[in-house]
C-alpha atoms as a PDB file:
ATOM      1  CA  MET A   1      13.695  20.605 -12.527  1.00  0.00           C
ATOM      2  CA  LEU A   2      10.845  22.883 -11.729  1.00  0.00           C
ATOM      3  CA  PRO A   3       9.964  22.279  -7.388  1.00  0.00           C
ATOM      4  CA  PHE A   4       6.825  21.143  -7.051  1.00  0.00           C
ATOM      5  CA  ASP A   5       4.093  23.399  -5.915  1.00  0.00           C
ATOM      6  CA  TRP A   6       2.534  21.061  -2.778  1.00  0.00           C
ATOM      7  CA  GLN A   7      -0.067  24.103  -1.892  1.00  0.00           C
ATOM      8  CA  ALA A   8      -0.625  24.810  -4.815  1.00  0.00           C
ATOM      9  CA  GLN A   9      -1.909  21.922  -6.047  1.00  0.00           C
ATOM     10  CA  GLY A  10      -3.907  21.938  -2.805  1.00  0.00           C
ATOM     11  CA  MET A  11      -1.176  18.721  -1.819  1.00  0.00           C
ATOM     12  CA  SER A  12      -0.148  20.451   1.750  1.00  0.00           C
ATOM     13  CA  ALA A  13      -1.735  17.228   3.701  1.00  0.00           C
ATOM     14  CA  LEU A  14      -0.051  15.457   2.503  1.00  0.00           C
ATOM     15  CA  TYR A  15       3.283  15.435   3.890  1.00  0.00           C
ATOM     16  CA  PRO A  16       3.912  17.074   7.238  1.00  0.00           C
ATOM     17  CA  ALA A  17       5.560  20.759   7.990  1.00  0.00           C
ATOM     18  CA  VAL A  18       8.399  19.567   8.795  1.00  0.00           C
ATOM     19  CA  ALA A  19       9.290  19.244   5.224  1.00  0.00           C
ATOM     20  CA  ARG A  20       7.644  22.320   4.193  1.00  0.00           C
ATOM     21  CA  PRO A  21      10.602  24.096   4.531  1.00  0.00           C
ATOM     22  CA  PHE A  22      12.611  21.727   1.587  1.00  0.00           C
ATOM     23  CA  SER A  23      10.496  21.935  -1.233  1.00  0.00           C
ATOM     24  CA  ASP A  24      12.058  24.511  -3.329  1.00  0.00           C
ATOM     25  CA  VAL A  25      15.837  22.638  -2.979  1.00  0.00           C
ATOM     26  CA  LEU A  26      16.743  19.725  -5.263  1.00  0.00           C
ATOM     27  CA  GLY A  27      18.411  17.067  -3.663  1.00  0.00           C
ATOM     28  CA  VAL A  28      17.087  18.374   0.439  1.00  0.00           C
ATOM     29  CA  ARG A  29      13.306  18.226  -1.561  1.00  0.00           C
ATOM     30  CA  ALA A  30      13.285  14.581  -2.907  1.00  0.00           C
ATOM     31  CA  GLN A  31      15.515  12.949   0.138  1.00  0.00           C
ATOM     32  CA  ALA A  32      12.980  14.618   2.172  1.00  0.00           C
ATOM     33  CA  ARG A  33       9.807  13.637   0.567  1.00  0.00           C
ATOM     34  CA  SER A  34      11.450   9.889   0.392  1.00  0.00           C
ATOM     35  CA  LEU A  35      11.846   9.706   4.131  1.00  0.00           C
ATOM     36  CA  MET A  36       8.468  10.894   4.346  1.00  0.00           C
ATOM     37  CA  THR A  37       6.993   9.348   2.539  1.00  0.00           C
ATOM     38  CA  PRO A  38       6.537   5.218   4.255  1.00  0.00           C
ATOM     39  CA  SER A  39       4.807   7.321   6.864  1.00  0.00           C
ATOM     40  CA  ALA A  40       2.392   9.174   4.751  1.00  0.00           C
ATOM     41  CA  SER A  41      -1.072   8.650   5.149  1.00  0.00           C
ATOM     42  CA  PHE A  42      -3.472   8.845   2.196  1.00  0.00           C
ATOM     43  CA  ASP A  43      -6.559   8.782   4.853  1.00  0.00           C
ATOM     44  CA  PHE A  44      -9.440  11.535   3.453  1.00  0.00           C
ATOM     45  CA  VAL A  45      -6.958  12.694   0.527  1.00  0.00           C
ATOM     46  CA  PRO A  46      -9.256  12.767  -1.909  1.00  0.00           C
ATOM     47  CA  ALA A  47      -8.525  10.927  -5.349  1.00  0.00           C
ATOM     48  CA  ALA A  48      -8.580  13.801  -7.454  1.00  0.00           C
ATOM     49  CA  ALA A  49      -5.694  15.573  -5.099  1.00  0.00           C
ATOM     50  CA  ILE A  50      -3.307  12.262  -5.396  1.00  0.00           C
ATOM     51  CA  GLU A  51      -4.259  12.133  -9.509  1.00  0.00           C
ATOM     52  CA  LYS A  52      -1.988  15.365  -9.254  1.00  0.00           C
ATOM     53  CA  VAL A  53       1.184  13.818  -6.974  1.00  0.00           C
ATOM     54  CA  LEU A  54       1.215  10.729  -9.278  1.00  0.00           C
ATOM     55  CA  GLU A  55       1.503  13.308 -12.601  1.00  0.00           C
ATOM     56  CA  ALA A  56       4.291  14.255 -11.274  1.00  0.00           C
ATOM     57  CA  GLN A  57       5.421  11.147  -9.910  1.00  0.00           C
ATOM     58  CA  PRO A  58       4.335   8.674 -11.767  1.00  0.00           C
ATOM     59  CA  THR A  59       6.409   5.617 -10.684  1.00  0.00           C
ATOM     60  CA  ASN A  60       6.028   5.733  -7.269  1.00  0.00           C
ATOM     61  CA  GLY A  61       3.923   3.163  -5.967  1.00  0.00           C
ATOM     62  CA  LEU A  62       2.619   4.301  -2.829  1.00  0.00           C
ATOM     63  CA  TYR A  63       0.397   6.844  -4.241  1.00  0.00           C
ATOM     64  CA  TRP A  64      -0.593   4.272  -6.401  1.00  0.00           C
ATOM     65  CA  LEU A  65      -0.991   2.537  -3.843  1.00  0.00           C
ATOM     66  CA  GLY A  66      -2.630   5.928  -1.976  1.00  0.00           C
ATOM     67  CA  LEU A  67      -4.932   6.236  -5.024  1.00  0.00           C
ATOM     68  CA  ALA A  68      -6.456   2.386  -4.870  1.00  0.00           C
ATOM     69  CA  GLN A  69      -7.091   3.217  -1.178  1.00  0.00           C
ATOM     70  CA  ALA A  70      -8.857   6.638  -1.320  1.00  0.00           C
ATOM     71  CA  LEU A  71     -10.417   5.357  -4.912  1.00  0.00           C
ATOM     72  CA  ASN A  72     -12.139   2.690  -2.487  1.00  0.00           C
ATOM     73  CA  ASP A  73     -13.090   4.558   0.173  1.00  0.00           C
ATOM     74  CA  GLY A  74     -14.822   6.730  -2.736  1.00  0.00           C
ATOM     75  CA  GLY A  75     -16.719   4.406  -4.125  1.00  0.00           C
ATOM     76  CA  ALA A  76     -15.683   4.139  -7.077  1.00  0.00           C
ATOM     77  CA  PRO A  77     -15.811   0.764  -9.377  1.00  0.00           C
ATOM     78  CA  PHE A  78     -13.239  -1.388  -8.935  1.00  0.00           C
ATOM     79  CA  GLU A  79     -12.620  -1.483 -12.177  1.00  0.00           C
ATOM     80  CA  LYS A  80     -10.260   1.579 -11.241  1.00  0.00           C
ATOM     81  CA  VAL A  81      -9.867   0.891  -7.674  1.00  0.00           C
ATOM     82  CA  GLY A  82      -7.645  -2.310  -9.974  1.00  0.00           C
ATOM     83  CA  ALA A  83      -6.177  -0.444 -11.343  1.00  0.00           C
ATOM     84  CA  ALA A  84      -4.588   1.438  -9.043  1.00  0.00           C
ATOM     85  CA  LEU A  85      -3.268  -0.768  -7.719  1.00  0.00           C
ATOM     86  CA  ALA A  86      -1.613  -2.984 -10.779  1.00  0.00           C
ATOM     87  CA  MET A  87      -0.083   0.663 -10.277  1.00  0.00           C
ATOM     88  CA  SER A  88       1.510  -0.069  -7.971  1.00  0.00           C
ATOM     89  CA  MET A  89       2.390  -3.304  -8.469  1.00  0.00           C
ATOM     90  CA  THR A  90       3.873  -2.468 -11.719  1.00  0.00           C
ATOM     91  CA  VAL A  91       5.800   0.400 -10.259  1.00  0.00           C
ATOM     92  CA  GLU A  92       7.194  -0.766  -6.613  1.00  0.00           C
ATOM     93  CA  PRO A  93       7.161  -4.489  -7.272  1.00  0.00           C
ATOM     94  CA  MET A  94      10.003  -5.241  -4.441  1.00  0.00           C
ATOM     95  CA  GLU A  95       9.398  -2.535  -2.264  1.00  0.00           C
ATOM     96  CA  ALA A  96       9.152  -3.144   1.114  1.00  0.00           C
ATOM     97  CA  ARG A  97       6.878  -1.141   2.956  1.00  0.00           C
ATOM     98  CA  THR A  98       4.313   0.233  -0.196  1.00  0.00           C
ATOM     99  CA  VAL A  99       4.055  -4.402  -0.302  1.00  0.00           C
ATOM    100  CA  ALA A 100       3.697  -4.487   3.346  1.00  0.00           C
ATOM    101  CA  ARG A 101       0.880  -1.767   2.746  1.00  0.00           C
ATOM    102  CA  ARG A 102       0.133  -3.172  -0.702  1.00  0.00           C
ATOM    103  CA  ILE A 103      -0.671  -6.491   1.601  1.00  0.00           C
ATOM    104  CA  VAL A 104      -2.561  -4.818   4.275  1.00  0.00           C
ATOM    105  CA  PHE A 105      -4.800  -2.587   1.567  1.00  0.00           C
ATOM    106  CA  GLU A 106      -5.284  -6.273   0.123  1.00  0.00           C
ATOM    107  CA  PHE A 107      -6.686  -8.185   2.620  1.00  0.00           C
ATOM    108  CA  SER A 108      -8.599  -5.741   3.363  1.00  0.00           C
ATOM    109  CA  ILE A 109     -10.434  -6.272  -0.256  1.00  0.00           C
ATOM    110  CA  TRP A 110     -10.752  -9.427   0.111  1.00  0.00           C
ATOM    111  CA  ASP A 111     -13.735 -10.100  -1.392  1.00  0.00           C
ATOM    112  CA  LYS A 112     -13.406  -8.626  -4.524  1.00  0.00           C
ATOM    113  CA  LEU A 113     -10.025  -9.081  -5.682  1.00  0.00           C
ATOM    114  CA  SER A 114     -10.214 -12.506  -8.303  1.00  0.00           C
ATOM    115  CA  ALA A 115      -8.785 -15.269  -7.668  1.00  0.00           C
ATOM    116  CA  HIS A 116      -5.610 -14.262  -9.360  1.00  0.00           C
ATOM    117  CA  GLU A 117      -5.340 -11.474  -6.929  1.00  0.00           C
ATOM    118  CA  ARG A 118      -6.003 -12.948  -4.043  1.00  0.00           C
ATOM    119  CA  ALA A 119      -2.803 -15.261  -5.047  1.00  0.00           C
ATOM    120  CA  THR A 120      -1.102 -12.407  -5.862  1.00  0.00           C
ATOM    121  CA  ALA A 121      -1.564 -10.346  -2.680  1.00  0.00           C
ATOM    122  CA  ILE A 122      -0.177 -14.014  -0.547  1.00  0.00           C
ATOM    123  CA  ASN A 123       2.487 -14.239  -2.983  1.00  0.00           C
ATOM    124  CA  GLU A 124       3.600 -11.077  -1.751  1.00  0.00           C
ATOM    125  CA  LEU A 125       3.505 -11.376   2.236  1.00  0.00           C
ATOM    126  CA  ALA A 126       5.077 -15.241   1.135  1.00  0.00           C
ATOM    127  CA  LYS A 127       8.087 -13.148   0.381  1.00  0.00           C
ATOM    128  CA  LEU A 128       8.078 -10.847   2.524  1.00  0.00           C
ATOM    129  CA  GLY A 129       7.235 -12.983   5.386  1.00  0.00           C
ATOM    130  CA  ARG A 130       8.909 -11.636   9.130  1.00  0.00           C
ATOM    131  CA  ARG A 131      10.183  -8.311   7.335  1.00  0.00           C
ATOM    132  CA  LEU A 132       6.447  -7.740   7.138  1.00  0.00           C
ATOM    133  CA  PRO A 133       7.304  -4.127  10.034  1.00  0.00           C
ATOM    134  CA  ASP A 134       5.573  -4.335  12.380  1.00  0.00           C
ATOM    135  CA  GLN A 135       2.472  -1.934  12.289  1.00  0.00           C
ATOM    136  CA  GLU A 136       1.282  -3.241   8.607  1.00  0.00           C
ATOM    137  CA  ARG A 137       1.782  -6.953  11.015  1.00  0.00           C
ATOM    138  CA  LYS A 138      -0.431  -6.056  13.049  1.00  0.00           C
ATOM    139  CA  ASP A 139      -3.068  -3.878  10.502  1.00  0.00           C
ATOM    140  CA  LEU A 140      -2.800  -7.807   9.221  1.00  0.00           C
ATOM    141  CA  LYS A 141      -3.569  -9.308  12.546  1.00  0.00           C
ATOM    142  CA  LEU A 142      -6.244  -7.601  13.198  1.00  0.00           C
ATOM    143  CA  LEU A 143      -7.746  -8.041   9.193  1.00  0.00           C
ATOM    144  CA  LEU A 144      -7.718 -11.825   9.923  1.00  0.00           C
ATOM    145  CA  SER A 145      -9.110 -12.442  13.245  1.00  0.00           C
ATOM    146  CA  VAL A 146     -12.078 -10.755  11.973  1.00  0.00           C
ATOM    147  CA  ALA A 147     -11.738 -12.770   7.797  1.00  0.00           C
ATOM    148  CA  PRO A 148     -14.340 -15.228   7.920  1.00  0.00           C
ATOM    149  CA  ALA A 149     -12.215 -18.847   8.531  1.00  0.00           C
ATOM    150  CA  THR A 150     -12.589 -19.785   4.669  1.00  0.00           C
ATOM    151  CA  GLN A 151     -10.414 -16.994   4.345  1.00  0.00           C
ATOM    152  CA  ARG A 152      -7.832 -17.908   7.017  1.00  0.00           C
ATOM    153  CA  ALA A 153      -7.604 -21.415   4.868  1.00  0.00           C
ATOM    154  CA  GLU A 154      -7.717 -19.859   1.966  1.00  0.00           C
ATOM    155  CA  ILE A 155      -4.839 -18.263   2.867  1.00  0.00           C
ATOM    156  CA  GLN A 156      -2.657 -21.266   5.057  1.00  0.00           C
ATOM    157  CA  ASP A 157      -3.624 -23.289   1.860  1.00  0.00           C
ATOM    158  CA  GLU A 158      -1.795 -21.326  -0.423  1.00  0.00           C
ATOM    159  CA  LEU A 159       0.869 -20.590   2.115  1.00  0.00           C
ATOM    160  CA  THR A 160       1.768 -24.023   1.813  1.00  0.00           C
ATOM    161  CA  ARG A 161       1.450 -24.921  -1.689  1.00  0.00           C
ATOM    162  CA  SER A 162       4.564 -22.346  -1.868  1.00  0.00           C
ATOM    163  CA  GLY A 163       6.732 -23.899   0.633  1.00  0.00           C
ATOM    164  CA  ARG A 164       6.280 -20.656   2.957  1.00  0.00           C
ATOM    165  CA  PHE A 165       3.992 -21.494   5.421  1.00  0.00           C
ATOM    166  CA  ASP A 166       5.465 -22.885   9.074  1.00  0.00           C
ATOM    167  CA  THR A 167       3.351 -23.273  12.504  1.00  0.00           C
ATOM    168  CA  ASP A 168       4.923 -20.193  13.863  1.00  0.00           C
ATOM    169  CA  PHE A 169       4.757 -17.909  11.066  1.00  0.00           C
ATOM    170  CA  ALA A 170       0.418 -18.465  10.869  1.00  0.00           C
ATOM    171  CA  LYS A 171       1.386 -17.735  15.045  1.00  0.00           C
ATOM    172  CA  TRP A 172       3.966 -14.308  14.127  1.00  0.00           C
ATOM    173  CA  LEU A 173       0.065 -13.204  12.094  1.00  0.00           C
ATOM    174  CA  GLY A 174      -2.083 -14.796  13.727  1.00  0.00           C
ATOM    175  CA  ILE A 175      -3.957 -17.024  11.357  1.00  0.00           C
END
């Protein structure tokens, strides 16, 4: 397996400088990448750059999520955003960090989601529950604090239907 040349692909911004020296060492490269993935930020990374990474790592749900975010931020049609989001769910349906970030993204584009996609987002939240990492919980609380009352009620109703709603969890989420 040939090493993926991040700088030649214009991707050096995706990884901290500390990882670049390991980019040609098999095993170490993968371990460094896996350690960095949870904190990788896709803010201001063009969709085309993320698509190049996905050519090398098509089963990385966090990158599919990053592509969905980049497409959404770039004003792409929601069909493309939704397709990238669906790929994130398909390739990493249970990876806690990816699921947590996906929940925050889904709640940030709530009005664009279908009823089924909303129910899926709420179901993911219910499954993850209090294992939602602190940063994502803070982000979600902020989104919910400015969300319309109808959205918060819909979330509470779906959580209640799933049997995973209780007042402590609601307080923990800020709803």
